[in-house]
Amino acid sequence: MPLKKGAIYKYKTGKYVREKLGSKKGCIAYRVVPVPNKPGRKVLVCITKKKGPRGGRTKAISLLRSLKTAKGKKLAKRAKIKTEKRKRR
């Protein structure tokens, strides 16, 4: 399945290319989980307030691919570079 434009992005300071899987709506916390038997890949998981239709409180937000892998390097060439927003005090 082809990905939508803007679905792959990276930060200037980051080590990973992000492939968007879902929205961040309703998230209260995040966790990064390594994918078993897949070196260089991690899943960014969101913990929500409410339970989903199947009873779970987590959802996958994005797939993180390391820039050290071949697929990560390939996707980094066409990834949109995002800038981090400064936090107000």
N, C-alpha and C. Protein backbone atom coordinates (compact mmCIF):
# COMPACT_ATOMS: atom_id res chain seq x y z
N MET A 1 0.84 -1.17 0.00
CA MET A 1 0.00 0.00 0.00
C MET A 1 0.90 1.24 0.00
N PRO A 2 0.70 2.16 -0.95
CA PRO A 2 1.54 3.37 -0.96
C PRO A 2 1.18 4.30 0.20
N LEU A 3 2.20 4.93 0.74
CA LEU A 3 2.00 5.83 1.86
C LEU A 3 1.58 7.20 1.38
N LYS A 4 0.83 7.91 2.21
CA LYS A 4 0.39 9.26 1.88
C LYS A 4 1.58 10.20 1.93
N LYS A 5 1.47 11.31 1.21
CA LYS A 5 2.52 12.31 1.24
C LYS A 5 2.57 12.92 2.64
N GLY A 6 3.75 13.03 3.20
CA GLY A 6 3.89 13.56 4.55
C GLY A 6 3.78 12.50 5.63
N ALA A 7 3.61 11.23 5.23
CA ALA A 7 3.49 10.16 6.21
C ALA A 7 4.86 9.74 6.74
N ILE A 8 5.93 10.10 6.03
CA ILE A 8 7.28 9.79 6.47
C ILE A 8 8.00 11.09 6.75
N TYR A 9 8.53 11.21 7.97
CA TYR A 9 9.25 12.43 8.31
C TYR A 9 10.34 12.14 9.32
N LYS A 10 11.23 13.10 9.49
CA LYS A 10 12.31 12.97 10.47
C LYS A 10 12.62 14.34 11.04
N TYR A 11 13.26 14.33 12.20
CA TYR A 11 13.72 15.55 12.82
C TYR A 11 15.20 15.72 12.50
N LYS A 12 15.68 16.96 12.46
CA LYS A 12 17.08 17.21 12.16
C LYS A 12 18.01 16.55 13.17
N THR A 13 17.60 16.53 14.42
CA THR A 13 18.45 16.01 15.49
C THR A 13 18.22 14.53 15.76
N GLY A 14 17.31 13.90 15.04
CA GLY A 14 16.90 12.53 15.36
C GLY A 14 17.76 11.44 14.77
N LYS A 15 17.60 10.23 15.30
CA LYS A 15 18.30 9.05 14.83
C LYS A 15 17.37 8.15 14.02
N TYR A 16 16.09 8.52 13.95
CA TYR A 16 15.09 7.67 13.33
C TYR A 16 14.30 8.41 12.26
N VAL A 17 13.75 7.63 11.33
CA VAL A 17 12.76 8.11 10.37
C VAL A 17 11.43 7.60 10.88
N ARG A 18 10.44 8.48 10.92
CA ARG A 18 9.12 8.10 11.44
C ARG A 18 8.15 7.83 10.30
N GLU A 19 7.46 6.74 10.39
CA GLU A 19 6.41 6.39 9.44
C GLU A 19 5.10 6.46 10.20
N LYS A 20 4.25 7.42 9.84
CA LYS A 20 3.03 7.67 10.60
C LYS A 20 2.03 6.53 10.43
N LEU A 21 1.49 6.06 11.56
CA LEU A 21 0.50 4.99 11.56
C LEU A 21 -0.87 5.45 12.05
N GLY A 22 -0.90 6.42 12.96
CA GLY A 22 -2.16 6.87 13.53
C GLY A 22 -2.06 8.27 14.09
N SER A 23 -3.17 8.80 14.57
CA SER A 23 -3.19 10.15 15.12
C SER A 23 -2.81 10.15 16.60
N LYS A 24 -2.39 11.30 17.09
CA LYS A 24 -1.99 11.44 18.49
C LYS A 24 -3.15 11.92 19.36
N LYS A 25 -4.35 11.90 18.84
CA LYS A 25 -5.52 12.40 19.56
C LYS A 25 -5.81 11.54 20.80
N GLY A 26 -5.99 12.19 21.94
CA GLY A 26 -6.36 11.50 23.17
C GLY A 26 -5.21 10.87 23.93
N CYS A 27 -3.98 11.19 23.58
CA CYS A 27 -2.82 10.58 24.24
C CYS A 27 -2.47 11.30 25.53
N ILE A 28 -2.15 10.53 26.56
CA ILE A 28 -1.70 11.14 27.82
C ILE A 28 -0.24 10.79 28.09
N ALA A 29 0.27 9.74 27.47
CA ALA A 29 1.67 9.33 27.64
C ALA A 29 2.12 8.52 26.42
N TYR A 30 3.43 8.41 26.26
CA TYR A 30 4.00 7.67 25.13
C TYR A 30 5.01 6.65 25.64
N ARG A 31 5.24 5.62 24.85
CA ARG A 31 6.23 4.60 25.17
C ARG A 31 6.82 4.09 23.86
N VAL A 32 8.11 3.80 23.85
CA VAL A 32 8.76 3.23 22.67
C VAL A 32 9.01 1.76 22.95
N VAL A 33 8.53 0.90 22.04
CA VAL A 33 8.62 -0.54 22.22
C VAL A 33 9.44 -1.12 21.07
N PRO A 34 10.52 -1.88 21.35
CA PRO A 34 11.27 -2.51 20.26
C PRO A 34 10.47 -3.63 19.61
N VAL A 35 10.64 -3.77 18.29
CA VAL A 35 9.94 -4.82 17.55
C VAL A 35 10.78 -6.09 17.62
N PRO A 36 10.22 -7.22 18.09
CA PRO A 36 11.01 -8.45 18.20
C PRO A 36 11.46 -8.98 16.84
N ASN A 37 12.69 -9.45 16.78
CA ASN A 37 13.31 -10.03 15.57
C ASN A 37 13.46 -9.05 14.42
N LYS A 38 13.37 -7.75 14.68
CA LYS A 38 13.54 -6.73 13.65
C LYS A 38 14.50 -5.67 14.18
N PRO A 39 15.80 -5.84 13.99
CA PRO A 39 16.75 -4.85 14.52
C PRO A 39 16.61 -3.51 13.81
N GLY A 40 16.73 -2.43 14.56
CA GLY A 40 16.63 -1.10 13.98
C GLY A 40 15.22 -0.56 13.86
N ARG A 41 14.23 -1.29 14.39
CA ARG A 41 12.83 -0.83 14.34
C ARG A 41 12.24 -0.76 15.73
N LYS A 42 11.46 0.28 15.94
CA LYS A 42 10.73 0.45 17.19
C LYS A 42 9.36 1.01 16.87
N VAL A 43 8.41 0.80 17.77
CA VAL A 43 7.05 1.32 17.59
C VAL A 43 6.78 2.33 18.70
N LEU A 44 6.30 3.51 18.31
CA LEU A 44 5.90 4.52 19.28
C LEU A 44 4.45 4.25 19.64
N VAL A 45 4.20 3.95 20.91
CA VAL A 45 2.87 3.57 21.38
C VAL A 45 2.31 4.68 22.25
N CYS A 46 1.03 4.98 22.07
CA CYS A 46 0.34 6.02 22.82
C CYS A 46 -0.57 5.36 23.85
N ILE A 47 -0.56 5.88 25.06
CA ILE A 47 -1.46 5.41 26.11
C ILE A 47 -2.59 6.43 26.22
N THR A 48 -3.83 5.98 26.07
CA THR A 48 -4.98 6.87 26.04
C THR A 48 -5.76 6.83 27.34
N LYS A 49 -6.65 7.80 27.51
CA LYS A 49 -7.50 7.87 28.70
C LYS A 49 -8.59 6.80 28.65
N LYS A 50 -9.24 6.71 27.51
CA LYS A 50 -10.37 5.79 27.36
C LYS A 50 -9.94 4.48 26.74
N LYS A 51 -10.73 3.46 26.99
CA LYS A 51 -10.50 2.17 26.37
C LYS A 51 -11.04 2.18 24.95
N GLY A 52 -10.37 1.47 24.06
CA GLY A 52 -10.80 1.38 22.67
C GLY A 52 -11.92 0.38 22.49
N PRO A 53 -12.33 0.15 21.24
CA PRO A 53 -13.44 -0.77 20.98
C PRO A 53 -13.14 -2.22 21.37
N ARG A 54 -11.84 -2.58 21.41
CA ARG A 54 -11.47 -3.94 21.78
C ARG A 54 -10.97 -4.03 23.22
N GLY A 55 -11.10 -2.95 23.99
CA GLY A 55 -10.76 -2.98 25.40
C GLY A 55 -9.37 -2.51 25.76
N GLY A 56 -8.53 -2.16 24.79
CA GLY A 56 -7.16 -1.74 25.08
C GLY A 56 -7.03 -0.24 25.28
N ARG A 57 -5.98 0.15 26.00
CA ARG A 57 -5.73 1.57 26.23
C ARG A 57 -4.52 2.08 25.46
N THR A 58 -3.95 1.28 24.56
CA THR A 58 -2.79 1.71 23.79
C THR A 58 -3.11 1.66 22.30
N LYS A 59 -2.38 2.49 21.55
CA LYS A 59 -2.48 2.44 20.09
C LYS A 59 -1.13 2.81 19.49
N ALA A 60 -0.82 2.25 18.33
CA ALA A 60 0.45 2.52 17.66
C ALA A 60 0.34 3.85 16.93
N ILE A 61 1.30 4.73 17.19
CA ILE A 61 1.30 6.05 16.56
C ILE A 61 2.22 6.07 15.35
N SER A 62 3.45 5.58 15.50
CA SER A 62 4.38 5.58 14.38
C SER A 62 5.41 4.47 14.50
N LEU A 63 5.97 4.11 13.35
CA LEU A 63 7.03 3.12 13.28
C LEU A 63 8.33 3.87 13.12
N LEU A 64 9.28 3.64 14.01
CA LEU A 64 10.57 4.32 13.97
C LEU A 64 11.58 3.39 13.32
N ARG A 65 12.24 3.88 12.28
CA ARG A 65 13.28 3.10 11.60
C ARG A 65 14.62 3.79 11.80
N SER A 66 15.62 3.03 12.18
CA SER A 66 16.95 3.58 12.42
C SER A 66 17.58 4.04 11.11
N LEU A 67 18.35 5.12 11.16
CA LEU A 67 19.04 5.61 9.98
C LEU A 67 20.25 4.75 9.63
N LYS A 68 20.57 3.78 10.47
CA LYS A 68 21.69 2.88 10.22
C LYS A 68 21.30 1.72 9.29
N THR A 69 20.01 1.46 9.13
CA THR A 69 19.55 0.36 8.28
C THR A 69 19.37 0.85 6.84
N ALA A 70 19.34 -0.09 5.90
CA ALA A 70 19.21 0.25 4.48
C ALA A 70 17.86 0.90 4.19
N LYS A 71 16.79 0.34 4.75
CA LYS A 71 15.45 0.89 4.51
C LYS A 71 15.32 2.27 5.14
N GLY A 72 15.93 2.47 6.30
CA GLY A 72 15.90 3.77 6.96
C GLY A 72 16.61 4.83 6.14
N LYS A 73 17.75 4.49 5.55
CA LYS A 73 18.49 5.43 4.70
C LYS A 73 17.69 5.79 3.46
N LYS A 74 17.03 4.77 2.88
CA LYS A 74 16.23 4.98 1.67
C LYS A 74 15.04 5.91 1.94
N LEU A 75 14.36 5.68 3.06
CA LEU A 75 13.22 6.52 3.41
C LEU A 75 13.64 7.91 3.84
N ALA A 76 14.85 8.05 4.39
CA ALA A 76 15.34 9.35 4.84
C ALA A 76 15.52 10.32 3.68
N LYS A 77 15.79 9.78 2.50
CA LYS A 77 15.99 10.65 1.33
C LYS A 77 14.70 11.36 0.92
N ARG A 78 13.56 10.69 1.09
CA ARG A 78 12.30 11.31 0.69
C ARG A 78 11.47 11.80 1.88
N ALA A 79 12.03 11.71 3.08
CA ALA A 79 11.31 12.12 4.28
C ALA A 79 11.23 13.64 4.38
N LYS A 80 10.12 14.11 4.91
CA LYS A 80 9.94 15.53 5.17
C LYS A 80 10.65 15.85 6.49
N ILE A 81 11.45 16.91 6.51
CA ILE A 81 12.17 17.28 7.71
C ILE A 81 11.32 18.22 8.54
N LYS A 82 11.04 17.81 9.78
CA LYS A 82 10.22 18.62 10.68
C LYS A 82 11.13 19.35 11.65
N THR A 83 10.68 20.51 12.07
CA THR A 83 11.40 21.26 13.09
C THR A 83 10.66 21.10 14.40
N GLU A 84 11.41 21.04 15.48
CA GLU A 84 10.80 20.89 16.79
C GLU A 84 10.32 22.24 17.28
N LYS A 85 9.13 22.27 17.84
CA LYS A 85 8.57 23.51 18.37
C LYS A 85 9.17 23.79 19.74
N ARG A 86 9.44 25.04 20.01
CA ARG A 86 9.97 25.42 21.31
C ARG A 86 8.85 25.44 22.33
N LYS A 87 9.15 24.97 23.51
CA LYS A 87 8.16 24.96 24.58
C LYS A 87 8.13 26.32 25.26
N ARG A 88 6.94 26.83 25.50
CA ARG A 88 6.80 28.10 26.20
C ARG A 88 6.87 27.87 27.69
N ARG A 89 7.46 28.82 28.37
CA ARG A 89 7.56 28.71 29.84
C ARG A 89 6.57 29.60 30.51
